C-alpha cells in the first residue's frame, strides 16, 4: 500500500473490533475462548509441574514437552485475555506500542513452538534410530543449549519487525478488524510503502516455519525407514506409538495455520469474520489440546496425572 499524499498525522491508538460482523454475538463467542484459555492454563501448568517434579520424567522427550507447554501458556496469555476484554467489556482500545509488543510476542512464540516441534522430531529420530546412545547424545546440557537457541532464533528474527512497523505512518485508519494485533494487518492500515514489511514477513515465514516443516518431514522419512526395517513386531508398534502423540500435535499446530494461509490467499469471497475465526483457531486449539493429547497417549504422563489427582484422595 503506497500513498504519497498523507497528512503527516499518524495514529498512536487503535481499536480492535474482535470478530467483524459478529459483534452482537461476542458474548456467545467468548464462551469457547474462555473455556480454551482455562483448559490451556490448567492443562499445561499441570504438565509442567509433573515433568519438573518427577525425576522419572527428566528425559529429553519430556523436557522438550515441558518447553512446548511453557510456550503454549505464553501464547494463550498473549492473546486470549485481550480477546475476552473485547468480547466482555468492548475494550478494544490499544496503543501502537502495546500493539507492536503484542504482535512481536505472538509471532515469536509461534515460531518458538515450531522450533520445539522440530526438536521433538529430532528427539524421536534419535530415540528410534540410536536408542542405545539416546541419553548420551541428548544430555541436559545440550537440551539447555537447544532451548536457548530456539528462543534466540524466534525472538531475534522478529526483532526487526519492531523497527519496520515503527517507521510507518498510520494515517489511513485506526480500526483493526481482529481480536489481536498482527504484523501485516497493522502494516496494511499504514499509508506508506510496506513492501519491505511484506518481503521480510515472507522471509521470516520461509526461514522458520516452512523450513521447520521440511525438516520435520525429512526426520519422519528417516524414522519410517528405520521402523520398517525393525524385525520385531512389538518393537515396530512401540516405535510407531512413541511418535503418535507428536504427529497429532504437528497436525494440530500446522494444519489450521496452512488452511488459514490458503483461505487468506485464495478465499477472497470468504467473509472477513471467517478469516478472523480461523486465525483464532490457530492460537486457541494447540495450547488447549496439546496437554490432552500427551496426557491420553503417553502412559508415563497419564500415570503421573492419575497418581497426583486421585491417589492422595484415598
C-alpha atoms as a PDB file:
ATOM      1  CA  UNK A   1       0.000   0.000   0.000  1.00  0.00           C
ATOM      2  CA  UNK A   2       1.572   3.270  -1.041  1.00  0.00           C
ATOM      3  CA  UNK A   3       0.290   6.802  -0.671  1.00  0.00           C
ATOM      4  CA  UNK A   4       2.347   9.894  -1.220  1.00  0.00           C
ATOM      5  CA  UNK A   5      -0.185  12.478  -0.027  1.00  0.00           C
ATOM      6  CA  UNK A   6      -0.652  11.578   3.602  1.00  0.00           C
ATOM      7  CA  UNK A   7      -1.329  14.341   6.056  1.00  0.00           C
ATOM      8  CA  UNK A   8       1.516  13.657   8.492  1.00  0.00           C
ATOM      9  CA  UNK A   9      -0.940  12.736  11.247  1.00  0.00           C
ATOM     10  CA  UNK A  10      -0.150   9.233  12.477  1.00  0.00           C
ATOM     11  CA  UNK A  11      -2.477   7.240  14.717  1.00  0.00           C
ATOM     12  CA  UNK A  12      -0.971   6.123  18.013  1.00  0.00           C
ATOM     13  CA  UNK A  13      -4.136   4.435  19.299  1.00  0.00           C
ATOM     14  CA  UNK A  14      -6.002   1.635  17.523  1.00  0.00           C
ATOM     15  CA  UNK A  15      -9.312  -0.167  18.038  1.00  0.00           C
ATOM     16  CA  UNK A  16      -9.530  -3.949  17.802  1.00  0.00           C
ATOM     17  CA  UNK A  17     -13.029  -4.914  16.620  1.00  0.00           C
ATOM     18  CA  UNK A  18     -12.915  -8.549  17.693  1.00  0.00           C
ATOM     19  CA  UNK A  19     -14.874 -10.649  15.175  1.00  0.00           C
ATOM     20  CA  UNK A  20     -16.030  -8.161  12.494  1.00  0.00           C
ATOM     21  CA  UNK A  21     -19.665  -8.601  11.521  1.00  0.00           C
ATOM     22  CA  UNK A  22     -20.434 -10.702  14.591  1.00  0.00           C
ATOM     23  CA  UNK A  23     -20.248  -8.012  17.260  1.00  0.00           C
ATOM     24  CA  UNK A  24     -23.717  -8.888  18.519  1.00  0.00           C
ATOM     25  CA  UNK A  25     -22.548 -12.489  19.077  1.00  0.00           C
ATOM     26  CA  UNK A  26     -19.396 -11.610  21.017  1.00  0.00           C
ATOM     27  CA  UNK A  27     -20.791 -12.767  24.353  1.00  0.00           C
ATOM     28  CA  UNK A  28     -21.520 -16.222  22.953  1.00  0.00           C
ATOM     29  CA  UNK A  29     -18.214 -16.388  21.068  1.00  0.00           C
ATOM     30  CA  UNK A  30     -16.394 -15.600  24.312  1.00  0.00           C
ATOM     31  CA  UNK A  31     -17.511 -18.916  25.853  1.00  0.00           C
ATOM     32  CA  UNK A  32     -15.223 -21.198  23.755  1.00  0.00           C
ATOM     33  CA  UNK A  33     -12.429 -18.623  24.110  1.00  0.00           C
ATOM     34  CA  UNK A  34     -12.741 -18.697  27.904  1.00  0.00           C
ATOM     35  CA  UNK A  35     -13.024 -22.499  28.088  1.00  0.00           C
ATOM     36  CA  UNK A  36      -9.984 -22.987  25.844  1.00  0.00           C
ATOM     37  CA  UNK A  37      -7.978 -20.439  27.869  1.00  0.00           C
ATOM     38  CA  UNK A  38      -8.755 -22.059  31.234  1.00  0.00           C
ATOM     39  CA  UNK A  39      -8.138 -25.540  29.811  1.00  0.00           C
ATOM     40  CA  UNK A  40      -4.815 -24.440  28.296  1.00  0.00           C
ATOM     41  CA  UNK A  41      -3.633 -22.818  31.538  1.00  0.00           C
ATOM     42  CA  UNK A  42      -4.665 -25.725  33.782  1.00  0.00           C
ATOM     43  CA  UNK A  43      -3.568 -28.496  31.416  1.00  0.00           C
ATOM     44  CA  UNK A  44      -0.175 -27.043  30.544  1.00  0.00           C
ATOM     45  CA  UNK A  45       0.548 -25.910  34.118  1.00  0.00           C
ATOM     46  CA  UNK A  46      -0.214 -29.440  35.351  1.00  0.00           C
ATOM     47  CA  UNK A  47       2.041 -30.873  32.646  1.00  0.00           C
ATOM     48  CA  UNK A  48       4.901 -28.519  33.560  1.00  0.00           C
ATOM     49  CA  UNK A  49       4.514 -29.271  37.281  1.00  0.00           C
ATOM     50  CA  UNK A  50       4.536 -33.042  36.779  1.00  0.00           C
ATOM     51  CA  UNK A  51       7.545 -33.019  34.444  1.00  0.00           C
ATOM     52  CA  UNK A  52       9.605 -30.729  36.680  1.00  0.00           C
ATOM     53  CA  UNK A  53       8.792 -32.503  39.959  1.00  0.00           C
ATOM     54  CA  UNK A  54       9.027 -36.153  38.842  1.00  0.00           C
ATOM     55  CA  UNK A  55      12.605 -37.291  38.289  1.00  0.00           C
ATOM     56  CA  UNK A  56      11.439 -40.229  36.189  1.00  0.00           C
ATOM     57  CA  UNK A  57      10.230 -37.694  33.603  1.00  0.00           C
ATOM     58  CA  UNK A  58      13.547 -35.820  33.370  1.00  0.00           C
ATOM     59  CA  UNK A  59      14.195 -37.408  29.988  1.00  0.00           C
ATOM     60  CA  UNK A  60      14.762 -35.410  26.766  1.00  0.00           C
ATOM     61  CA  UNK A  61      11.288 -36.161  25.356  1.00  0.00           C
ATOM     62  CA  UNK A  62       9.521 -34.827  28.442  1.00  0.00           C
ATOM     63  CA  UNK A  63      11.827 -31.830  28.842  1.00  0.00           C
ATOM     64  CA  UNK A  64      11.022 -30.784  25.268  1.00  0.00           C
ATOM     65  CA  UNK A  65       7.341 -31.323  26.050  1.00  0.00           C
ATOM     66  CA  UNK A  66       7.777 -29.026  29.063  1.00  0.00           C
ATOM     67  CA  UNK A  67       9.187 -26.348  26.729  1.00  0.00           C
ATOM     68  CA  UNK A  68       6.167 -26.767  24.454  1.00  0.00           C
ATOM     69  CA  UNK A  69       3.788 -26.426  27.412  1.00  0.00           C
ATOM     70  CA  UNK A  70       5.547 -23.222  28.544  1.00  0.00           C
ATOM     71  CA  UNK A  71       5.224 -21.782  25.025  1.00  0.00           C
ATOM     72  CA  UNK A  72       1.528 -22.764  24.958  1.00  0.00           C
ATOM     73  CA  UNK A  73       0.870 -20.943  28.239  1.00  0.00           C
ATOM     74  CA  UNK A  74       2.686 -17.851  26.978  1.00  0.00           C
ATOM     75  CA  UNK A  75       0.866 -17.862  23.611  1.00  0.00           C
ATOM     76  CA  UNK A  76      -2.549 -18.151  25.287  1.00  0.00           C
ATOM     77  CA  UNK A  77      -1.716 -15.404  27.782  1.00  0.00           C
ATOM     78  CA  UNK A  78      -0.604 -13.053  24.991  1.00  0.00           C
ATOM     79  CA  UNK A  79      -3.841 -13.342  23.044  1.00  0.00           C
ATOM     80  CA  UNK A  80      -6.947 -14.648  24.820  1.00  0.00           C
ATOM     81  CA  UNK A  81      -7.229 -12.076  27.677  1.00  0.00           C
ATOM     82  CA  UNK A  82      -7.228  -9.282  25.066  1.00  0.00           C
ATOM     83  CA  UNK A  83      -9.945 -11.059  23.069  1.00  0.00           C
ATOM     84  CA  UNK A  84     -12.077 -11.617  26.188  1.00  0.00           C
ATOM     85  CA  UNK A  85     -11.720  -7.938  27.130  1.00  0.00           C
ATOM     86  CA  UNK A  86     -13.122  -7.037  23.698  1.00  0.00           C
ATOM     87  CA  UNK A  87     -15.985  -9.542  23.956  1.00  0.00           C
ATOM     88  CA  UNK A  88     -16.989  -8.718  27.534  1.00  0.00           C
ATOM     89  CA  UNK A  89     -16.132  -5.036  28.019  1.00  0.00           C
ATOM     90  CA  UNK A  90     -15.730  -3.689  24.444  1.00  0.00           C
ATOM     91  CA  UNK A  91     -12.181  -2.851  25.498  1.00  0.00           C
ATOM     92  CA  UNK A  92     -10.576  -2.945  22.063  1.00  0.00           C
ATOM     93  CA  UNK A  93      -8.572   0.228  22.509  1.00  0.00           C
ATOM     94  CA  UNK A  94      -4.824  -0.413  22.246  1.00  0.00           C
ATOM     95  CA  UNK A  95      -1.814   1.879  21.846  1.00  0.00           C
ATOM     96  CA  UNK A  96       0.615   1.460  18.952  1.00  0.00           C
ATOM     97  CA  UNK A  97       3.490   0.437  21.246  1.00  0.00           C
ATOM     98  CA  UNK A  98       1.335  -2.119  23.035  1.00  0.00           C
ATOM     99  CA  UNK A  99       0.041  -3.412  19.704  1.00  0.00           C
ATOM    100  CA  UNK A 100       3.581  -3.893  18.359  1.00  0.00           C
ATOM    101  CA  UNK A 101       4.606  -5.566  21.630  1.00  0.00           C
ATOM    102  CA  UNK A 102       1.687  -7.977  21.430  1.00  0.00           C
ATOM    103  CA  UNK A 103       2.269  -8.987  17.813  1.00  0.00           C
ATOM    104  CA  UNK A 104       6.017  -9.350  18.497  1.00  0.00           C
ATOM    105  CA  UNK A 105       5.382 -11.878  21.272  1.00  0.00           C
ATOM    106  CA  UNK A 106       2.590 -13.672  19.387  1.00  0.00           C
ATOM    107  CA  UNK A 107       4.697 -14.243  16.269  1.00  0.00           C
ATOM    108  CA  UNK A 108       7.859 -15.005  18.254  1.00  0.00           C
ATOM    109  CA  UNK A 109       6.110 -17.579  20.430  1.00  0.00           C
ATOM    110  CA  UNK A 110       4.521 -19.182  17.370  1.00  0.00           C
ATOM    111  CA  UNK A 111       7.993 -19.543  15.814  1.00  0.00           C
ATOM    112  CA  UNK A 112       9.290 -20.923  19.136  1.00  0.00           C
ATOM    113  CA  UNK A 113       6.597 -23.611  19.125  1.00  0.00           C
ATOM    114  CA  UNK A 114       7.514 -24.538  15.566  1.00  0.00           C
ATOM    115  CA  UNK A 115      11.165 -24.846  16.603  1.00  0.00           C
ATOM    116  CA  UNK A 116      10.242 -27.016  19.596  1.00  0.00           C
ATOM    117  CA  UNK A 117       8.201 -29.344  17.359  1.00  0.00           C
ATOM    118  CA  UNK A 118      11.241 -29.656  15.069  1.00  0.00           C
ATOM    119  CA  UNK A 119      13.473 -30.541  18.006  1.00  0.00           C
ATOM    120  CA  UNK A 120      10.900 -33.069  19.232  1.00  0.00           C
ATOM    121  CA  UNK A 121      11.003 -34.724  15.787  1.00  0.00           C
ATOM    122  CA  UNK A 122      14.804 -34.881  16.088  1.00  0.00           C
ATOM    123  CA  UNK A 123      14.355 -36.368  19.574  1.00  0.00           C
ATOM    124  CA  UNK A 124      12.099 -39.146  18.185  1.00  0.00           C
ATOM    125  CA  UNK A 125      14.627 -39.789  15.399  1.00  0.00           C
ATOM    126  CA  UNK A 126      17.454 -40.279  17.918  1.00  0.00           C
ATOM    127  CA  UNK A 127      15.269 -42.414  20.214  1.00  0.00           C
ATOM    128  CA  UNK A 128      14.257 -44.800  17.402  1.00  0.00           C
ATOM    129  CA  UNK A 129      17.387 -44.866  15.236  1.00  0.00           C
ATOM    130  CA  UNK A 130      20.017 -44.684  18.007  1.00  0.00           C
ATOM    131  CA  UNK A 131      18.252 -45.980  21.154  1.00  0.00           C
ATOM    132  CA  UNK A 132      21.445 -47.054  22.947  1.00  0.00           C
ATOM    133  CA  UNK A 133      23.021 -43.598  22.543  1.00  0.00           C
ATOM    134  CA  UNK A 134      19.810 -41.622  23.211  1.00  0.00           C
ATOM    135  CA  UNK A 135      20.690 -40.218  26.648  1.00  0.00           C
ATOM    136  CA  UNK A 136      24.369 -39.714  25.809  1.00  0.00           C
ATOM    137  CA  UNK A 137      23.522 -37.651  22.719  1.00  0.00           C
ATOM    138  CA  UNK A 138      20.675 -35.617  24.224  1.00  0.00           C
ATOM    139  CA  UNK A 139      22.278 -34.588  27.508  1.00  0.00           C
ATOM    140  CA  UNK A 140      20.702 -31.985  29.801  1.00  0.00           C
ATOM    141  CA  UNK A 141      23.435 -29.518  28.779  1.00  0.00           C
ATOM    142  CA  UNK A 142      22.602 -29.953  25.089  1.00  0.00           C
ATOM    143  CA  UNK A 143      18.857 -29.644  25.793  1.00  0.00           C
ATOM    144  CA  UNK A 144      19.524 -26.359  27.608  1.00  0.00           C
ATOM    145  CA  UNK A 145      21.539 -25.059  24.638  1.00  0.00           C
ATOM    146  CA  UNK A 146      18.782 -26.124  22.239  1.00  0.00           C
ATOM    147  CA  UNK A 147      16.233 -24.229  24.344  1.00  0.00           C
ATOM    148  CA  UNK A 148      18.350 -21.065  24.287  1.00  0.00           C
ATOM    149  CA  UNK A 149      18.860 -21.407  20.524  1.00  0.00           C
ATOM    150  CA  UNK A 150      15.106 -21.705  19.940  1.00  0.00           C
ATOM    151  CA  UNK A 151      14.485 -18.532  21.969  1.00  0.00           C
ATOM    152  CA  UNK A 152      17.270 -16.583  20.230  1.00  0.00           C
ATOM    153  CA  UNK A 153      16.071 -17.666  16.795  1.00  0.00           C
ATOM    154  CA  UNK A 154      12.403 -16.835  17.347  1.00  0.00           C
ATOM    155  CA  UNK A 155      12.834 -13.521  19.126  1.00  0.00           C
ATOM    156  CA  UNK A 156      15.925 -12.480  17.142  1.00  0.00           C
ATOM    157  CA  UNK A 157      14.305 -12.935  13.728  1.00  0.00           C
ATOM    158  CA  UNK A 158      11.202 -10.994  14.840  1.00  0.00           C
ATOM    159  CA  UNK A 159      13.159  -8.096  16.337  1.00  0.00           C
ATOM    160  CA  UNK A 160      13.496  -6.102  13.052  1.00  0.00           C
ATOM    161  CA  UNK A 161       9.679  -6.147  12.748  1.00  0.00           C
ATOM    162  CA  UNK A 162       9.544  -3.610  15.593  1.00  0.00           C
ATOM    163  CA  UNK A 163      11.535  -1.069  13.596  1.00  0.00           C
ATOM    164  CA  UNK A 164       9.807  -1.895  10.308  1.00  0.00           C
ATOM    165  CA  UNK A 165       6.480  -1.003  11.944  1.00  0.00           C
ATOM    166  CA  UNK A 166       7.720   1.995  13.953  1.00  0.00           C
ATOM    167  CA  UNK A 167       8.924   3.680  10.747  1.00  0.00           C
ATOM    168  CA  UNK A 168       5.412   3.649   9.238  1.00  0.00           C
ATOM    169  CA  UNK A 169       2.869   6.474   9.331  1.00  0.00           C
ATOM    170  CA  UNK A 170      -0.607   5.230  10.265  1.00  0.00           C
ATOM    171  CA  UNK A 171      -2.804   7.915   8.735  1.00  0.00           C
ATOM    172  CA  UNK A 172      -5.382   5.778   6.905  1.00  0.00           C
ATOM    173  CA  UNK A 173      -7.350   4.057   9.665  1.00  0.00           C
ATOM    174  CA  UNK A 174      -7.001   3.052  13.275  1.00  0.00           C
ATOM    175  CA  UNK A 175      -9.530   0.212  13.060  1.00  0.00           C
ATOM    176  CA  UNK A 176      -8.125  -3.330  13.193  1.00  0.00           C
ATOM    177  CA  UNK A 177     -10.739  -5.997  12.374  1.00  0.00           C
ATOM    178  CA  UNK A 178      -9.213  -8.646  14.601  1.00  0.00           C
ATOM    179  CA  UNK A 179      -9.017  -9.962  18.167  1.00  0.00           C
ATOM    180  CA  UNK A 180      -5.271  -9.296  18.424  1.00  0.00           C
ATOM    181  CA  UNK A 181      -2.570  -7.317  16.647  1.00  0.00           C
ATOM    182  CA  UNK A 182      -0.859  -8.993  13.682  1.00  0.00           C
ATOM    183  CA  UNK A 183       2.128  -7.727  11.707  1.00  0.00           C
ATOM    184  CA  UNK A 184       0.698  -7.437   8.185  1.00  0.00           C
ATOM    185  CA  UNK A 185      -2.770  -6.439   9.436  1.00  0.00           C
ATOM    186  CA  UNK A 186      -1.223  -3.460  11.232  1.00  0.00           C
ATOM    187  CA  UNK A 187       1.058  -2.615   8.294  1.00  0.00           C
ATOM    188  CA  UNK A 188      -1.933  -2.533   5.928  1.00  0.00           C
ATOM    189  CA  UNK A 189      -3.508   0.436   7.755  1.00  0.00           C
ATOM    190  CA  UNK A 190      -0.371   2.457   7.027  1.00  0.00           C
ATOM    191  CA  UNK A 191      -0.217   4.913   4.137  1.00  0.00           C
ATOM    192  CA  UNK A 192       3.484   4.224   3.479  1.00  0.00           C
ATOM    193  CA  UNK A 193       5.141   1.665   1.232  1.00  0.00           C
ATOM    194  CA  UNK A 194       5.012  -1.651   3.111  1.00  0.00           C
ATOM    195  CA  UNK A 195       6.791  -3.831   0.554  1.00  0.00           C
ATOM    196  CA  UNK A 196       9.746  -4.231   2.932  1.00  0.00           C
ATOM    197  CA  UNK A 197       7.368  -5.470   5.655  1.00  0.00           C
ATOM    198  CA  UNK A 198       5.737  -7.921   3.252  1.00  0.00           C
ATOM    199  CA  UNK A 199       9.024  -9.335   1.972  1.00  0.00           C
ATOM    200  CA  UNK A 200      10.573  -9.544   5.421  1.00  0.00           C
ATOM    201  CA  UNK A 201       7.446 -11.299   6.710  1.00  0.00           C
ATOM    202  CA  UNK A 202       7.766 -13.754   3.821  1.00  0.00           C
ATOM    203  CA  UNK A 203      11.446 -14.303   4.662  1.00  0.00           C
ATOM    204  CA  UNK A 204      10.589 -14.969   8.325  1.00  0.00           C
ATOM    205  CA  UNK A 205       7.892 -17.474   7.343  1.00  0.00           C
ATOM    206  CA  UNK A 206      10.119 -19.343   4.887  1.00  0.00           C
ATOM    207  CA  UNK A 207      13.232 -19.404   7.090  1.00  0.00           C
ATOM    208  CA  UNK A 208      11.442 -20.597  10.227  1.00  0.00           C
ATOM    209  CA  UNK A 209       8.035 -22.307   9.947  1.00  0.00           C
ATOM    210  CA  UNK A 210       8.356 -23.607   6.360  1.00  0.00           C
ATOM    211  CA  UNK A 211      11.946 -24.764   6.952  1.00  0.00           C
ATOM    212  CA  UNK A 212      10.839 -26.494  10.170  1.00  0.00           C
ATOM    213  CA  UNK A 213       8.046 -28.328   8.315  1.00  0.00           C
ATOM    214  CA  UNK A 214      10.514 -29.555   5.674  1.00  0.00           C
ATOM    215  CA  UNK A 215      12.990 -30.771   8.321  1.00  0.00           C
ATOM    216  CA  UNK A 216      10.225 -32.446  10.352  1.00  0.00           C
ATOM    217  CA  UNK A 217       9.043 -34.251   7.214  1.00  0.00           C
ATOM    218  CA  UNK A 218      12.615 -35.345   6.457  1.00  0.00           C
ATOM    219  CA  UNK A 219      13.038 -36.577  10.063  1.00  0.00           C
ATOM    220  CA  UNK A 220       9.913 -38.718   9.800  1.00  0.00           C
ATOM    221  CA  UNK A 221      11.022 -40.150   6.464  1.00  0.00           C
ATOM    222  CA  UNK A 222      14.184 -41.358   8.228  1.00  0.00           C
ATOM    223  CA  UNK A 223      12.138 -42.588  11.212  1.00  0.00           C
ATOM    224  CA  UNK A 224       9.759 -44.576   8.978  1.00  0.00           C
ATOM    225  CA  UNK A 225      12.708 -46.038   7.103  1.00  0.00           C
ATOM    226  CA  UNK A 226      14.186 -47.258  10.377  1.00  0.00           C
ATOM    227  CA  UNK A 227      10.827 -48.535  11.675  1.00  0.00           C
ATOM    228  CA  UNK A 228      10.101 -50.597   8.555  1.00  0.00           C
ATOM    229  CA  UNK A 229      13.458 -52.329   8.973  1.00  0.00           C
ATOM    230  CA  UNK A 230      12.579 -53.443  12.511  1.00  0.00           C
ATOM    231  CA  UNK A 231      12.099 -57.204  12.563  1.00  0.00           C
ATOM    232  CA  UNK A 232      10.260 -57.441  15.910  1.00  0.00           C
ATOM    233  CA  UNK A 233       6.521 -56.719  15.719  1.00  0.00           C
ATOM    234  CA  UNK A 234       6.484 -55.384  19.305  1.00  0.00           C
ATOM    235  CA  UNK A 235       9.369 -53.028  18.607  1.00  0.00           C
ATOM    236  CA  UNK A 236       7.587 -51.908  15.429  1.00  0.00           C
ATOM    237  CA  UNK A 237       4.391 -50.978  17.268  1.00  0.00           C
ATOM    238  CA  UNK A 238       6.311 -49.383  20.160  1.00  0.00           C
ATOM    239  CA  UNK A 239       8.276 -47.189  17.745  1.00  0.00           C
ATOM    240  CA  UNK A 240       5.111 -46.023  15.979  1.00  0.00           C
ATOM    241  CA  UNK A 241       3.340 -45.415  19.292  1.00  0.00           C
ATOM    242  CA  UNK A 242       6.128 -43.162  20.569  1.00  0.00           C
ATOM    243  CA  UNK A 243       5.638 -40.925  17.515  1.00  0.00           C
ATOM    244  CA  UNK A 244       1.822 -40.921  17.636  1.00  0.00           C
ATOM    245  CA  UNK A 245       1.409 -38.047  20.088  1.00  0.00           C
ATOM    246  CA  UNK A 246       3.980 -35.916  18.309  1.00  0.00           C
ATOM    247  CA  UNK A 247       2.373 -36.455  14.892  1.00  0.00           C
ATOM    248  CA  UNK A 248      -1.046 -35.459  16.318  1.00  0.00           C
ATOM    249  CA  UNK A 249       0.428 -32.260  17.774  1.00  0.00           C
ATOM    250  CA  UNK A 250       2.220 -31.462  14.495  1.00  0.00           C
ATOM    251  CA  UNK A 251      -1.032 -31.803  12.519  1.00  0.00           C
ATOM    252  CA  UNK A 252      -2.894 -29.730  15.115  1.00  0.00           C
ATOM    253  CA  UNK A 253      -0.259 -26.972  15.042  1.00  0.00           C
ATOM    254  CA  UNK A 254       0.490 -26.676  11.316  1.00  0.00           C
ATOM    255  CA  UNK A 255      -2.849 -27.853   9.871  1.00  0.00           C
ATOM    256  CA  UNK A 256      -5.031 -24.862  10.848  1.00  0.00           C
ATOM    257  CA  UNK A 257      -2.180 -22.466  10.005  1.00  0.00           C
ATOM    258  CA  UNK A 258      -1.780 -23.847   6.472  1.00  0.00           C
ATOM    259  CA  UNK A 259      -5.549 -23.847   5.939  1.00  0.00           C
ATOM    260  CA  UNK A 260      -5.812 -20.249   7.214  1.00  0.00           C
ATOM    261  CA  UNK A 261      -2.986 -19.116   4.920  1.00  0.00           C
ATOM    262  CA  UNK A 262      -4.668 -20.727   1.903  1.00  0.00           C
ATOM    263  CA  UNK A 263      -8.051 -19.140   2.677  1.00  0.00           C
ATOM    264  CA  UNK A 264      -6.455 -15.710   3.104  1.00  0.00           C
ATOM    265  CA  UNK A 265      -4.579 -16.113  -0.182  1.00  0.00           C
ATOM    266  CA  UNK A 266      -7.333 -17.598  -2.339  1.00  0.00           C
ATOM    267  CA  UNK A 267     -10.586 -17.138  -0.403  1.00  0.00           C
ATOM    268  CA  UNK A 268     -11.324 -13.563  -1.464  1.00  0.00           C
ATOM    269  CA  UNK A 269     -15.069 -14.200  -1.362  1.00  0.00           C
ATOM    270  CA  UNK A 270     -14.989 -15.568   2.188  1.00  0.00           C
ATOM    271  CA  UNK A 271     -16.467 -13.296   4.879  1.00  0.00           C
ATOM    272  CA  UNK A 272     -13.902 -11.390   6.991  1.00  0.00           C
ATOM    273  CA  UNK A 273     -15.179 -12.953  10.227  1.00  0.00           C
ATOM    274  CA  UNK A 274     -14.323 -16.422   8.855  1.00  0.00           C
ATOM    275  CA  UNK A 275     -10.694 -15.355   8.326  1.00  0.00           C
ATOM    276  CA  UNK A 276     -10.517 -13.976  11.870  1.00  0.00           C
ATOM    277  CA  UNK A 277     -12.106 -17.084  13.396  1.00  0.00           C
ATOM    278  CA  UNK A 278      -9.724 -19.395  11.502  1.00  0.00           C
ATOM    279  CA  UNK A 279      -6.736 -17.344  12.671  1.00  0.00           C
ATOM    280  CA  UNK A 280      -8.036 -17.580  16.250  1.00  0.00           C
ATOM    281  CA  UNK A 281      -8.344 -21.372  15.961  1.00  0.00           C
ATOM    282  CA  UNK A 282      -4.583 -21.496  15.215  1.00  0.00           C
ATOM    283  CA  UNK A 283      -3.948 -19.828  18.574  1.00  0.00           C
ATOM    284  CA  UNK A 284      -6.724 -21.437  20.649  1.00  0.00           C
ATOM    285  CA  UNK A 285      -6.611 -25.099  19.624  1.00  0.00           C
ATOM    286  CA  UNK A 286      -2.963 -26.200  20.106  1.00  0.00           C
ATOM    287  CA  UNK A 287      -2.472 -24.865  23.678  1.00  0.00           C
ATOM    288  CA  UNK A 288      -5.789 -26.390  24.750  1.00  0.00           C
ATOM    289  CA  UNK A 289      -5.396 -29.804  23.097  1.00  0.00           C
ATOM    290  CA  UNK A 290      -1.632 -30.466  23.383  1.00  0.00           C
ATOM    291  CA  UNK A 291      -1.695 -31.452  27.095  1.00  0.00           C
ATOM    292  CA  UNK A 292      -4.828 -33.549  26.490  1.00  0.00           C
ATOM    293  CA  UNK A 293      -3.168 -35.415  23.602  1.00  0.00           C
ATOM    294  CA  UNK A 294       0.005 -36.127  25.554  1.00  0.00           C
ATOM    295  CA  UNK A 295      -1.968 -36.940  28.695  1.00  0.00           C
ATOM    296  CA  UNK A 296      -4.051 -39.552  26.886  1.00  0.00           C
ATOM    297  CA  UNK A 297      -1.428 -41.075  24.586  1.00  0.00           C
ATOM    298  CA  UNK A 298       1.646 -41.016  26.867  1.00  0.00           C
ATOM    299  CA  UNK A 299       1.425 -43.717  29.538  1.00  0.00           C
ATOM    300  CA  UNK A 300       4.044 -42.227  31.881  1.00  0.00           C
ATOM    301  CA  UNK A 301       2.335 -38.826  31.979  1.00  0.00           C
ATOM    302  CA  UNK A 302      -1.117 -40.398  32.284  1.00  0.00           C
ATOM    303  CA  UNK A 303       0.026 -42.488  35.273  1.00  0.00           C
ATOM    304  CA  UNK A 304       1.578 -39.472  36.996  1.00  0.00           C
ATOM    305  CA  UNK A 305      -1.585 -37.385  36.486  1.00  0.00           C
ATOM    306  CA  UNK A 306      -3.769 -40.163  37.930  1.00  0.00           C
ATOM    307  CA  UNK A 307      -1.381 -40.593  40.858  1.00  0.00           C
ATOM    308  CA  UNK A 308      -1.292 -36.847  41.580  1.00  0.00           C
ATOM    309  CA  UNK A 309      -5.036 -36.196  41.293  1.00  0.00           C
ATOM    310  CA  UNK A 310      -6.559 -39.349  42.768  1.00  0.00           C
ATOM    311  CA  UNK A 311      -4.076 -41.296  44.919  1.00  0.00           C
ATOM    312  CA  UNK A 312      -3.891 -38.686  47.695  1.00  0.00           C
ATOM    313  CA  UNK A 313      -7.676 -38.566  47.981  1.00  0.00           C
ATOM    314  CA  UNK A 314      -7.885 -42.179  49.109  1.00  0.00           C
END
